[in-house]
Amino acid sequence: MYALVVRTGFLTTKGNLVRDILYPKPIHFEFYTDGLKFVGIMALLAVLGFTAVVPFMIKAGTDLPSMIDRSLDMFTICVPPAIPAALSCGIVFAIGRLKKDKIFCIAP
């Protein structure tokens, strides 16, 4: 006996697999969320630090370009630009460790 399959439903096991591949569920890593909170807190500290120093700079007669340069320095020191790359590398290494245990991920 032969059969011709014209369509499959998502309620079968294979249909669920196809649905998961085509429409992956959004993944929320606590690690990534905590990293963004850390960056936000450090940015807030940079803003507070700069606003605390501005009156002293004005009193010392610092010109505007130097004040802008100092504020950018403050942000660079408080919020390292490599944090998003470090978070991405952490996720990649975690997926690599899962693959060693024969656990495969559809999306990182």
PDB file of N, CA and C in Angstrom:
ATOM      1  N   MET A   1       0.841  -1.170   0.000  1.00  0.00           N
ATOM      2  CA  MET A   1       0.000   0.000   0.000  1.00  0.00           C
ATOM      3  C   MET A   1       0.889   1.237   0.000  1.00  0.00           C
ATOM      4  N   TYR A   2       0.576   2.189  -0.815  1.00  0.00           N
ATOM      5  CA  TYR A   2       1.318   3.430  -0.945  1.00  0.00           C
ATOM      6  C   TYR A   2       0.436   4.597  -0.508  1.00  0.00           C
ATOM      7  N   ALA A   3       1.103   5.639   0.010  1.00  0.00           N
ATOM      8  CA  ALA A   3       0.369   6.839   0.423  1.00  0.00           C
ATOM      9  C   ALA A   3       1.152   8.066  -0.031  1.00  0.00           C
ATOM     10  N   LEU A   4       0.459   9.101  -0.301  1.00  0.00           N
ATOM     11  CA  LEU A   4       1.072  10.361  -0.695  1.00  0.00           C
ATOM     12  C   LEU A   4       0.711  11.404   0.356  1.00  0.00           C
ATOM     13  N   VAL A   5       1.723  11.981   0.978  1.00  0.00           N
ATOM     14  CA  VAL A   5       1.505  13.000   2.004  1.00  0.00           C
ATOM     15  C   VAL A   5       1.464  14.357   1.320  1.00  0.00           C
ATOM     16  N   VAL A   6       0.346  15.034   1.470  1.00  0.00           N
ATOM     17  CA  VAL A   6       0.210  16.343   0.845  1.00  0.00           C
ATOM     18  C   VAL A   6       0.499  17.482   1.812  1.00  0.00           C
ATOM     19  N   ARG A   7       0.291  17.279   3.083  1.00  0.00           N
ATOM     20  CA  ARG A   7       0.650  18.283   4.076  1.00  0.00           C
ATOM     21  C   ARG A   7       0.757  17.615   5.447  1.00  0.00           C
ATOM     22  N   THR A   8       1.490  18.275   6.323  1.00  0.00           N
ATOM     23  CA  THR A   8       1.629  17.759   7.687  1.00  0.00           C
ATOM     24  C   THR A   8       1.127  18.818   8.650  1.00  0.00           C
ATOM     25  N   GLY A   9       0.635  18.387   9.761  1.00  0.00           N
ATOM     26  CA  GLY A   9       0.152  19.314  10.780  1.00  0.00           C
ATOM     27  C   GLY A   9       1.211  19.550  11.834  1.00  0.00           C
ATOM     28  N   PHE A  10       1.046  20.614  12.576  1.00  0.00           N
ATOM     29  CA  PHE A  10       1.986  20.924  13.636  1.00  0.00           C
ATOM     30  C   PHE A  10       1.701  20.125  14.904  1.00  0.00           C
ATOM     31  N   LEU A  11       0.646  19.339  14.924  1.00  0.00           N
ATOM     32  CA  LEU A  11       0.311  18.596  16.129  1.00  0.00           C
ATOM     33  C   LEU A  11       0.997  17.232  16.188  1.00  0.00           C
ATOM     34  N   THR A  12       1.737  16.872  15.144  1.00  0.00           N
ATOM     35  CA  THR A  12       2.495  15.626  15.171  1.00  0.00           C
ATOM     36  C   THR A  12       3.887  15.911  15.713  1.00  0.00           C
ATOM     37  N   THR A  13       4.640  14.863  15.990  1.00  0.00           N
ATOM     38  CA  THR A  13       5.997  15.036  16.512  1.00  0.00           C
ATOM     39  C   THR A  13       6.884  15.728  15.487  1.00  0.00           C
ATOM     40  N   LYS A  14       6.813  15.269  14.255  1.00  0.00           N
ATOM     41  CA  LYS A  14       7.623  15.910  13.208  1.00  0.00           C
ATOM     42  C   LYS A  14       7.121  17.319  12.916  1.00  0.00           C
ATOM     43  N   GLY A  15       5.835  17.520  12.991  1.00  0.00           N
ATOM     44  CA  GLY A  15       5.286  18.857  12.793  1.00  0.00           C
ATOM     45  C   GLY A  15       5.757  19.817  13.861  1.00  0.00           C
ATOM     46  N   ASN A  16       5.825  19.341  15.113  1.00  0.00           N
ATOM     47  CA  ASN A  16       6.354  20.185  16.200  1.00  0.00           C
ATOM     48  C   ASN A  16       7.807  20.550  15.950  1.00  0.00           C
ATOM     49  N   LEU A  17       8.598  19.581  15.445  1.00  0.00           N
ATOM     50  CA  LEU A  17       9.999  19.852  15.158  1.00  0.00           C
ATOM     51  C   LEU A  17      10.135  20.902  14.061  1.00  0.00           C
ATOM     52  N   VAL A  18       9.333  20.763  13.011  1.00  0.00           N
ATOM     53  CA  VAL A  18       9.374  21.739  11.917  1.00  0.00           C
ATOM     54  C   VAL A  18       8.936  23.115  12.418  1.00  0.00           C
ATOM     55  N   ARG A  19       7.907  23.173  13.238  1.00  0.00           N
ATOM     56  CA  ARG A  19       7.446  24.457  13.779  1.00  0.00           C
ATOM     57  C   ARG A  19       8.527  25.095  14.644  1.00  0.00           C
ATOM     58  N   ASP A  20       9.218  24.289  15.465  1.00  0.00           N
ATOM     59  CA  ASP A  20      10.279  24.836  16.311  1.00  0.00           C
ATOM     60  C   ASP A  20      11.444  25.369  15.492  1.00  0.00           C
ATOM     61  N   ILE A  21      11.714  24.731  14.349  1.00  0.00           N
ATOM     62  CA  ILE A  21      12.801  25.205  13.504  1.00  0.00           C
ATOM     63  C   ILE A  21      12.384  26.476  12.765  1.00  0.00           C
ATOM     64  N   LEU A  22      11.176  26.493  12.224  1.00  0.00           N
ATOM     65  CA  LEU A  22      10.725  27.655  11.452  1.00  0.00           C
ATOM     66  C   LEU A  22      10.395  28.856  12.323  1.00  0.00           C
ATOM     67  N   TYR A  23       9.793  28.606  13.473  1.00  0.00           N
ATOM     68  CA  TYR A  23       9.363  29.689  14.362  1.00  0.00           C
ATOM     69  C   TYR A  23       9.917  29.451  15.763  1.00  0.00           C
ATOM     70  N   PRO A  24      11.206  29.719  15.985  1.00  0.00           N
ATOM     71  CA  PRO A  24      11.765  29.477  17.320  1.00  0.00           C
ATOM     72  C   PRO A  24      11.154  30.408  18.362  1.00  0.00           C
ATOM     73  N   LYS A  25      10.987  29.882  19.562  1.00  0.00           N
ATOM     74  CA  LYS A  25      10.445  30.676  20.663  1.00  0.00           C
ATOM     75  C   LYS A  25      11.519  31.640  21.151  1.00  0.00           C
ATOM     76  N   PRO A  26      11.133  32.840  21.544  1.00  0.00           N
ATOM     77  CA  PRO A  26      12.141  33.781  22.053  1.00  0.00           C
ATOM     78  C   PRO A  26      12.781  33.240  23.331  1.00  0.00           C
ATOM     79  N   ILE A  27      14.101  33.371  23.385  1.00  0.00           N
ATOM     80  CA  ILE A  27      14.861  32.852  24.521  1.00  0.00           C
ATOM     81  C   ILE A  27      15.372  34.037  25.333  1.00  0.00           C
ATOM     82  N   HIS A  28      15.137  33.982  26.605  1.00  0.00           N
ATOM     83  CA  HIS A  28      15.588  35.041  27.497  1.00  0.00           C
ATOM     84  C   HIS A  28      16.591  34.444  28.477  1.00  0.00           C
ATOM     85  N   PHE A  29      17.865  34.779  28.281  1.00  0.00           N
ATOM     86  CA  PHE A  29      18.904  34.312  29.189  1.00  0.00           C
ATOM     87  C   PHE A  29      19.001  35.269  30.369  1.00  0.00           C
ATOM     88  N   GLU A  30      19.023  34.718  31.549  1.00  0.00           N
ATOM     89  CA  GLU A  30      19.171  35.543  32.740  1.00  0.00           C
ATOM     90  C   GLU A  30      20.548  36.203  32.753  1.00  0.00           C
ATOM     91  N   PHE A  31      21.535  35.493  32.206  1.00  0.00           N
ATOM     92  CA  PHE A  31      22.898  36.005  32.107  1.00  0.00           C
ATOM     93  C   PHE A  31      22.933  37.298  31.290  1.00  0.00           C
ATOM     94  N   TYR A  32      22.246  37.287  30.151  1.00  0.00           N
ATOM     95  CA  TYR A  32      22.233  38.459  29.271  1.00  0.00           C
ATOM     96  C   TYR A  32      21.468  39.610  29.923  1.00  0.00           C
ATOM     97  N   THR A  33      20.353  39.303  30.569  1.00  0.00           N
ATOM     98  CA  THR A  33      19.566  40.341  31.244  1.00  0.00           C
ATOM     99  C   THR A  33      20.376  40.982  32.365  1.00  0.00           C
ATOM    100  N   ASP A  34      21.079  40.154  33.145  1.00  0.00           N
ATOM    101  CA  ASP A  34      21.913  40.695  34.221  1.00  0.00           C
ATOM    102  C   ASP A  34      23.049  41.542  33.668  1.00  0.00           C
ATOM    103  N   GLY A  35      23.595  41.146  32.528  1.00  0.00           N
ATOM    104  CA  GLY A  35      24.654  41.939  31.905  1.00  0.00           C
ATOM    105  C   GLY A  35      24.164  43.308  31.478  1.00  0.00           C
ATOM    106  N   LEU A  36      22.954  43.354  30.922  1.00  0.00           N
ATOM    107  CA  LEU A  36      22.392  44.649  30.531  1.00  0.00           C
ATOM    108  C   LEU A  36      22.088  45.520  31.743  1.00  0.00           C
ATOM    109  N   LYS A  37      21.632  44.897  32.832  1.00  0.00           N
ATOM    110  CA  LYS A  37      21.410  45.665  34.067  1.00  0.00           C
ATOM    111  C   LYS A  37      22.725  46.260  34.565  1.00  0.00           C
ATOM    112  N   PHE A  38      23.791  45.465  34.493  1.00  0.00           N
ATOM    113  CA  PHE A  38      25.106  45.938  34.928  1.00  0.00           C
ATOM    114  C   PHE A  38      25.553  47.139  34.092  1.00  0.00           C
ATOM    115  N   VAL A  39      25.380  47.048  32.767  1.00  0.00           N
ATOM    116  CA  VAL A  39      25.763  48.154  31.891  1.00  0.00           C
ATOM    117  C   VAL A  39      24.933  49.398  32.221  1.00  0.00           C
ATOM    118  N   GLY A  40      23.645  49.222  32.482  1.00  0.00           N
ATOM    119  CA  GLY A  40      22.789  50.352  32.835  1.00  0.00           C
ATOM    120  C   GLY A  40      23.210  51.015  34.135  1.00  0.00           C
ATOM    121  N   ILE A  41      23.537  50.208  35.134  1.00  0.00           N
ATOM    122  CA  ILE A  41      23.968  50.758  36.424  1.00  0.00           C
ATOM    123  C   ILE A  41      25.287  51.499  36.271  1.00  0.00           C
ATOM    124  N   MET A  42      26.202  50.936  35.484  1.00  0.00           N
ATOM    125  CA  MET A  42      27.488  51.606  35.293  1.00  0.00           C
ATOM    126  C   MET A  42      27.313  52.917  34.513  1.00  0.00           C
ATOM    127  N   ALA A  43      26.391  52.938  33.540  1.00  0.00           N
ATOM    128  CA  ALA A  43      26.123  54.179  32.804  1.00  0.00           C
ATOM    129  C   ALA A  43      25.521  55.229  33.744  1.00  0.00           C
ATOM    130  N   LEU A  44      24.633  54.800  34.626  1.00  0.00           N
ATOM    131  CA  LEU A  44      24.055  55.721  35.601  1.00  0.00           C
ATOM    132  C   LEU A  44      25.132  56.283  36.528  1.00  0.00           C
ATOM    133  N   LEU A  45      26.065  55.435  36.956  1.00  0.00           N
ATOM    134  CA  LEU A  45      27.169  55.920  37.786  1.00  0.00           C
ATOM    135  C   LEU A  45      28.037  56.921  37.027  1.00  0.00           C
ATOM    136  N   ALA A  46      28.241  56.690  35.743  1.00  0.00           N
ATOM    137  CA  ALA A  46      29.031  57.630  34.947  1.00  0.00           C
ATOM    138  C   ALA A  46      28.336  58.978  34.856  1.00  0.00           C
ATOM    139  N   VAL A  47      27.012  58.967  34.650  1.00  0.00           N
ATOM    140  CA  VAL A  47      26.257  60.226  34.580  1.00  0.00           C
ATOM    141  C   VAL A  47      26.306  60.950  35.921  1.00  0.00           C
ATOM    142  N   LEU A  48      26.091  60.215  37.005  1.00  0.00           N
ATOM    143  CA  LEU A  48      26.146  60.841  38.333  1.00  0.00           C
ATOM    144  C   LEU A  48      27.533  61.394  38.633  1.00  0.00           C
ATOM    145  N   GLY A  49      28.564  60.646  38.276  1.00  0.00           N
ATOM    146  CA  GLY A  49      29.936  61.120  38.508  1.00  0.00           C
ATOM    147  C   GLY A  49      30.241  62.372  37.717  1.00  0.00           C
ATOM    148  N   PHE A  50      29.788  62.401  36.478  1.00  0.00           N
ATOM    149  CA  PHE A  50      30.059  63.586  35.662  1.00  0.00           C
ATOM    150  C   PHE A  50      29.297  64.801  36.161  1.00  0.00           C
ATOM    151  N   THR A  51      28.024  64.589  36.562  1.00  0.00           N
ATOM    152  CA  THR A  51      27.262  65.742  37.073  1.00  0.00           C
ATOM    153  C   THR A  51      27.836  66.246  38.397  1.00  0.00           C
ATOM    154  N   ALA A  52      28.478  65.377  39.153  1.00  0.00           N
ATOM    155  CA  ALA A  52      29.106  65.830  40.397  1.00  0.00           C
ATOM    156  C   ALA A  52      30.380  66.623  40.119  1.00  0.00           C
ATOM    157  N   VAL A  53      31.055  66.327  39.009  1.00  0.00           N
ATOM    158  CA  VAL A  53      32.331  66.973  38.705  1.00  0.00           C
ATOM    159  C   VAL A  53      32.153  68.263  37.899  1.00  0.00           C
ATOM    160  N   VAL A  54      31.024  68.416  37.204  1.00  0.00           N
ATOM    161  CA  VAL A  54      30.802  69.591  36.340  1.00  0.00           C
ATOM    162  C   VAL A  54      30.963  70.909  37.105  1.00  0.00           C
ATOM    163  N   PRO A  55      30.384  71.085  38.306  1.00  0.00           N
ATOM    164  CA  PRO A  55      30.586  72.374  38.998  1.00  0.00           C
ATOM    165  C   PRO A  55      32.057  72.689  39.286  1.00  0.00           C
ATOM    166  N   PHE A  56      32.839  71.667  39.612  1.00  0.00           N
ATOM    167  CA  PHE A  56      34.269  71.900  39.873  1.00  0.00           C
ATOM    168  C   PHE A  56      35.002  72.283  38.588  1.00  0.00           C
ATOM    169  N   MET A  57      34.589  71.667  37.450  1.00  0.00           N
ATOM    170  CA  MET A  57      35.217  72.016  36.172  1.00  0.00           C
ATOM    171  C   MET A  57      34.885  73.459  35.771  1.00  0.00           C
ATOM    172  N   ILE A  58      33.636  73.846  35.987  1.00  0.00           N
ATOM    173  CA  ILE A  58      33.229  75.218  35.661  1.00  0.00           C
ATOM    174  C   ILE A  58      33.970  76.210  36.550  1.00  0.00           C
ATOM    175  N   LYS A  59      34.107  75.876  37.832  1.00  0.00           N
ATOM    176  CA  LYS A  59      34.818  76.747  38.776  1.00  0.00           C
ATOM    177  C   LYS A  59      36.293  76.871  38.403  1.00  0.00           C
ATOM    178  N   ALA A  60      36.871  75.781  37.864  1.00  0.00           N
ATOM    179  CA  ALA A  60      38.278  75.820  37.473  1.00  0.00           C
ATOM    180  C   ALA A  60      38.483  76.489  36.120  1.00  0.00           C
ATOM    181  N   GLY A  61      37.385  76.805  35.416  1.00  0.00           N
ATOM    182  CA  GLY A  61      37.504  77.495  34.130  1.00  0.00           C
ATOM    183  C   GLY A  61      37.802  76.554  32.965  1.00  0.00           C
ATOM    184  N   THR A  62      37.365  75.317  33.052  1.00  0.00           N
ATOM    185  CA  THR A  62      37.587  74.350  31.973  1.00  0.00           C
ATOM    186  C   THR A  62      36.697  74.696  30.790  1.00  0.00           C
ATOM    187  N   ASP A  63      37.273  74.641  29.581  1.00  0.00           N
ATOM    188  CA  ASP A  63      36.485  74.967  28.388  1.00  0.00           C
ATOM    189  C   ASP A  63      35.570  73.794  28.016  1.00  0.00           C
ATOM    190  N   LEU A  64      34.586  74.067  27.155  1.00  0.00           N
ATOM    191  CA  LEU A  64      33.564  73.084  26.793  1.00  0.00           C
ATOM    192  C   LEU A  64      34.130  71.837  26.102  1.00  0.00           C
ATOM    193  N   PRO A  65      35.049  71.981  25.133  1.00  0.00           N
ATOM    194  CA  PRO A  65      35.581  70.754  24.505  1.00  0.00           C
ATOM    195  C   PRO A  65      36.279  69.821  25.502  1.00  0.00           C
ATOM    196  N   SER A  66      36.985  70.391  26.459  1.00  0.00           N
ATOM    197  CA  SER A  66      37.635  69.556  27.475  1.00  0.00           C
ATOM    198  C   SER A  66      36.608  68.870  28.367  1.00  0.00           C
ATOM    199  N   MET A  67      35.518  69.576  28.667  1.00  0.00           N
ATOM    200  CA  MET A  67      34.470  68.958  29.489  1.00  0.00           C
ATOM    201  C   MET A  67      33.812  67.798  28.743  1.00  0.00           C
ATOM    202  N   ILE A  68      33.570  67.978  27.440  1.00  0.00           N
ATOM    203  CA  ILE A  68      32.989  66.891  26.645  1.00  0.00           C
ATOM    204  C   ILE A  68      33.956  65.719  26.584  1.00  0.00           C
ATOM    205  N   ASP A  69      35.248  66.018  26.420  1.00  0.00           N
ATOM    206  CA  ASP A  69      36.257  64.956  26.386  1.00  0.00           C
ATOM    207  C   ASP A  69      36.301  64.195  27.709  1.00  0.00           C
ATOM    208  N   ARG A  70      36.248  64.909  28.800  1.00  0.00           N
ATOM    209  CA  ARG A  70      36.252  64.264  30.118  1.00  0.00           C
ATOM    210  C   ARG A  70      34.995  63.402  30.322  1.00  0.00           C
ATOM    211  N   SER A  71      33.846  63.898  29.845  1.00  0.00           N
ATOM    212  CA  SER A  71      32.612  63.123  30.013  1.00  0.00           C
ATOM    213  C   SER A  71      32.678  61.833  29.200  1.00  0.00           C
ATOM    214  N   LEU A  72      33.216  61.893  27.980  1.00  0.00           N
ATOM    215  CA  LEU A  72      33.362  60.680  27.183  1.00  0.00           C
ATOM    216  C   LEU A  72      34.370  59.715  27.817  1.00  0.00           C
ATOM    217  N   ASP A  73      35.422  60.271  28.410  1.00  0.00           N
ATOM    218  CA  ASP A  73      36.370  59.424  29.141  1.00  0.00           C
ATOM    219  C   ASP A  73      35.683  58.708  30.302  1.00  0.00           C
ATOM    220  N   MET A  74      34.817  59.427  31.008  1.00  0.00           N
ATOM    221  CA  MET A  74      34.102  58.843  32.144  1.00  0.00           C
ATOM    222  C   MET A  74      33.231  57.668  31.684  1.00  0.00           C
ATOM    223  N   PHE A  75      32.523  57.850  30.569  1.00  0.00           N
ATOM    224  CA  PHE A  75      31.678  56.762  30.064  1.00  0.00           C
ATOM    225  C   PHE A  75      32.510  55.575  29.598  1.00  0.00           C
ATOM    226  N   THR A  76      33.648  55.850  28.966  1.00  0.00           N
ATOM    227  CA  THR A  76      34.499  54.764  28.496  1.00  0.00           C
ATOM    228  C   THR A  76      35.073  53.968  29.662  1.00  0.00           C
ATOM    229  N   ILE A  77      35.392  54.649  30.733  1.00  0.00           N
ATOM    230  CA  ILE A  77      35.944  53.958  31.901  1.00  0.00           C
ATOM    231  C   ILE A  77      34.860  53.172  32.626  1.00  0.00           C
ATOM    232  N   CYS A  78      33.692  53.769  32.819  1.00  0.00           N
ATOM    233  CA  CYS A  78      32.626  53.106  33.580  1.00  0.00           C
ATOM    234  C   CYS A  78      31.919  52.011  32.792  1.00  0.00           C
ATOM    235  N   VAL A  79      31.691  52.228  31.507  1.00  0.00           N
ATOM    236  CA  VAL A  79      30.969  51.260  30.685  1.00  0.00           C
ATOM    237  C   VAL A  79      31.916  50.762  29.602  1.00  0.00           C
ATOM    238  N   PRO A  80      32.604  49.660  29.851  1.00  0.00           N
ATOM    239  CA  PRO A  80      33.545  49.150  28.850  1.00  0.00           C
ATOM    240  C   PRO A  80      32.820  48.750  27.562  1.00  0.00           C
ATOM    241  N   PRO A  81      33.344  49.144  26.414  1.00  0.00           N
ATOM    242  CA  PRO A  81      32.675  48.818  25.153  1.00  0.00           C
ATOM    243  C   PRO A  81      32.737  47.332  24.803  1.00  0.00           C
ATOM    244  N   ALA A  82      33.550  46.567  25.482  1.00  0.00           N
ATOM    245  CA  ALA A  82      33.688  45.145  25.160  1.00  0.00           C
ATOM    246  C   ALA A  82      32.666  44.269  25.880  1.00  0.00           C
ATOM    247  N   ILE A  83      31.800  44.847  26.712  1.00  0.00           N
ATOM    248  CA  ILE A  83      30.846  44.016  27.465  1.00  0.00           C
ATOM    249  C   ILE A  83      29.885  43.270  26.558  1.00  0.00           C
ATOM    250  N   PRO A  84      29.263  43.873  25.529  1.00  0.00           N
ATOM    251  CA  PRO A  84      28.384  43.079  24.662  1.00  0.00           C
ATOM    252  C   PRO A  84      29.111  41.932  23.971  1.00  0.00           C
ATOM    253  N   ALA A  85      30.358  42.167  23.553  1.00  0.00           N
ATOM    254  CA  ALA A  85      31.129  41.093  22.930  1.00  0.00           C
ATOM    255  C   ALA A  85      31.428  39.988  23.943  1.00  0.00           C
ATOM    256  N   ALA A  86      31.719  40.362  25.181  1.00  0.00           N
ATOM    257  CA  ALA A  86      31.979  39.357  26.213  1.00  0.00           C
ATOM    258  C   ALA A  86      30.733  38.531  26.507  1.00  0.00           C
ATOM    259  N   LEU A  87      29.563  39.164  26.518  1.00  0.00           N
ATOM    260  CA  LEU A  87      28.318  38.434  26.732  1.00  0.00           C
ATOM    261  C   LEU A  87      28.059  37.450  25.592  1.00  0.00           C
ATOM    262  N   SER A  88      28.294  37.888  24.365  1.00  0.00           N
ATOM    263  CA  SER A  88      28.100  37.000  23.218  1.00  0.00           C
ATOM    264  C   SER A  88      29.067  35.824  23.264  1.00  0.00           C
ATOM    265  N   CYS A  89      30.317  36.096  23.626  1.00  0.00           N
ATOM    266  CA  CYS A  89      31.296  35.003  23.749  1.00  0.00           C
ATOM    267  C   CYS A  89      30.893  34.026  24.848  1.00  0.00           C
ATOM    268  N   GLY A  90      30.353  34.530  25.932  1.00  0.00           N
ATOM    269  CA  GLY A  90      29.893  33.643  27.002  1.00  0.00           C
ATOM    270  C   GLY A  90      28.786  32.714  26.539  1.00  0.00           C
ATOM    271  N   ILE A  91      27.860  33.240  25.745  1.00  0.00           N
ATOM    272  CA  ILE A  91      26.769  32.410  25.218  1.00  0.00           C
ATOM    273  C   ILE A  91      27.322  31.358  24.255  1.00  0.00           C
ATOM    274  N   VAL A  92      28.288  31.744  23.410  1.00  0.00           N
ATOM    275  CA  VAL A  92      28.882  30.797  22.464  1.00  0.00           C
ATOM    276  C   VAL A  92      29.617  29.686  23.209  1.00  0.00           C
ATOM    277  N   PHE A  93      30.362  30.027  24.247  1.00  0.00           N
ATOM    278  CA  PHE A  93      31.072  29.002  25.027  1.00  0.00           C
ATOM    279  C   PHE A  93      30.087  28.080  25.746  1.00  0.00           C
ATOM    280  N   ALA A  94      28.983  28.634  26.232  1.00  0.00           N
ATOM    281  CA  ALA A  94      27.972  27.799  26.892  1.00  0.00           C
ATOM    282  C   ALA A  94      27.359  26.813  25.907  1.00  0.00           C
ATOM    283  N   ILE A  95      27.100  27.255  24.688  1.00  0.00           N
ATOM    284  CA  ILE A  95      26.550  26.355  23.670  1.00  0.00           C
ATOM    285  C   ILE A  95      27.574  25.277  23.318  1.00  0.00           C
ATOM    286  N   GLY A  96      28.846  25.649  23.270  1.00  0.00           N
ATOM    287  CA  GLY A  96      29.897  24.661  23.002  1.00  0.00           C
ATOM    288  C   GLY A  96      29.967  23.597  24.079  1.00  0.00           C
ATOM    289  N   ARG A  97      29.810  24.001  25.334  1.00  0.00           N
ATOM    290  CA  ARG A  97      29.812  23.015  26.428  1.00  0.00           C
ATOM    291  C   ARG A  97      28.603  22.102  26.345  1.00  0.00           C
ATOM    292  N   LEU A  98      27.463  22.635  25.926  1.00  0.00           N
ATOM    293  CA  LEU A  98      26.272  21.801  25.771  1.00  0.00           C
ATOM    294  C   LEU A  98      26.460  20.797  24.642  1.00  0.00           C
ATOM    295  N   LYS A  99      27.121  21.200  23.558  1.00  0.00           N
ATOM    296  CA  LYS A  99      27.341  20.280  22.438  1.00  0.00           C
ATOM    297  C   LYS A  99      28.222  19.108  22.849  1.00  0.00           C
ATOM    298  N   LYS A 100      29.172  19.349  23.759  1.00  0.00           N
ATOM    299  CA  LYS A 100      30.026  18.252  24.240  1.00  0.00           C
ATOM    300  C   LYS A 100      29.204  17.188  24.953  1.00  0.00           C
ATOM    301  N   ASP A 101      28.106  17.595  25.576  1.00  0.00           N
ATOM    302  CA  ASP A 101      27.218  16.654  26.269  1.00  0.00           C
ATOM    303  C   ASP A 101      26.090  16.164  25.368  1.00  0.00           C
ATOM    304  N   LYS A 102      26.244  16.379  24.053  1.00  0.00           N
ATOM    305  CA  LYS A 102      25.270  15.937  23.054  1.00  0.00           C
ATOM    306  C   LYS A 102      23.925  16.646  23.209  1.00  0.00           C
ATOM    307  N   ILE A 103      23.960  17.901  23.643  1.00  0.00           N
ATOM    308  CA  ILE A 103      22.752  18.732  23.717  1.00  0.00           C
ATOM    309  C   ILE A 103      22.900  19.807  22.662  1.00  0.00           C
ATOM    310  N   PHE A 104      21.989  19.820  21.696  1.00  0.00           N
ATOM    311  CA  PHE A 104      22.068  20.738  20.579  1.00  0.00           C
ATOM    312  C   PHE A 104      20.986  21.800  20.692  1.00  0.00           C
ATOM    313  N   CYS A 105      21.341  23.041  20.355  1.00  0.00           N
ATOM    314  CA  CYS A 105      20.423  24.160  20.441  1.00  0.00           C
ATOM    315  C   CYS A 105      19.988  24.588  19.048  1.00  0.00           C
ATOM    316  N   ILE A 106      18.727  24.959  18.918  1.00  0.00           N
ATOM    317  CA  ILE A 106      18.220  25.455  17.634  1.00  0.00           C
ATOM    318  C   ILE A 106      18.727  26.886  17.418  1.00  0.00           C
ATOM    319  N   ALA A 107      18.627  27.721  18.433  1.00  0.00           N
ATOM    320  CA  ALA A 107      19.072  29.112  18.349  1.00  0.00           C
ATOM    321  C   ALA A 107      19.771  29.468  19.644  1.00  0.00           C
ATOM    322  N   PRO A 108      20.841  30.251  19.568  1.00  0.00           N
ATOM    323  CA  PRO A 108      21.546  30.618  20.796  1.00  0.00           C
ATOM    324  C   PRO A 108      20.728  31.553  21.654  1.00  0.00           C
TER     325      PRO A 108
END
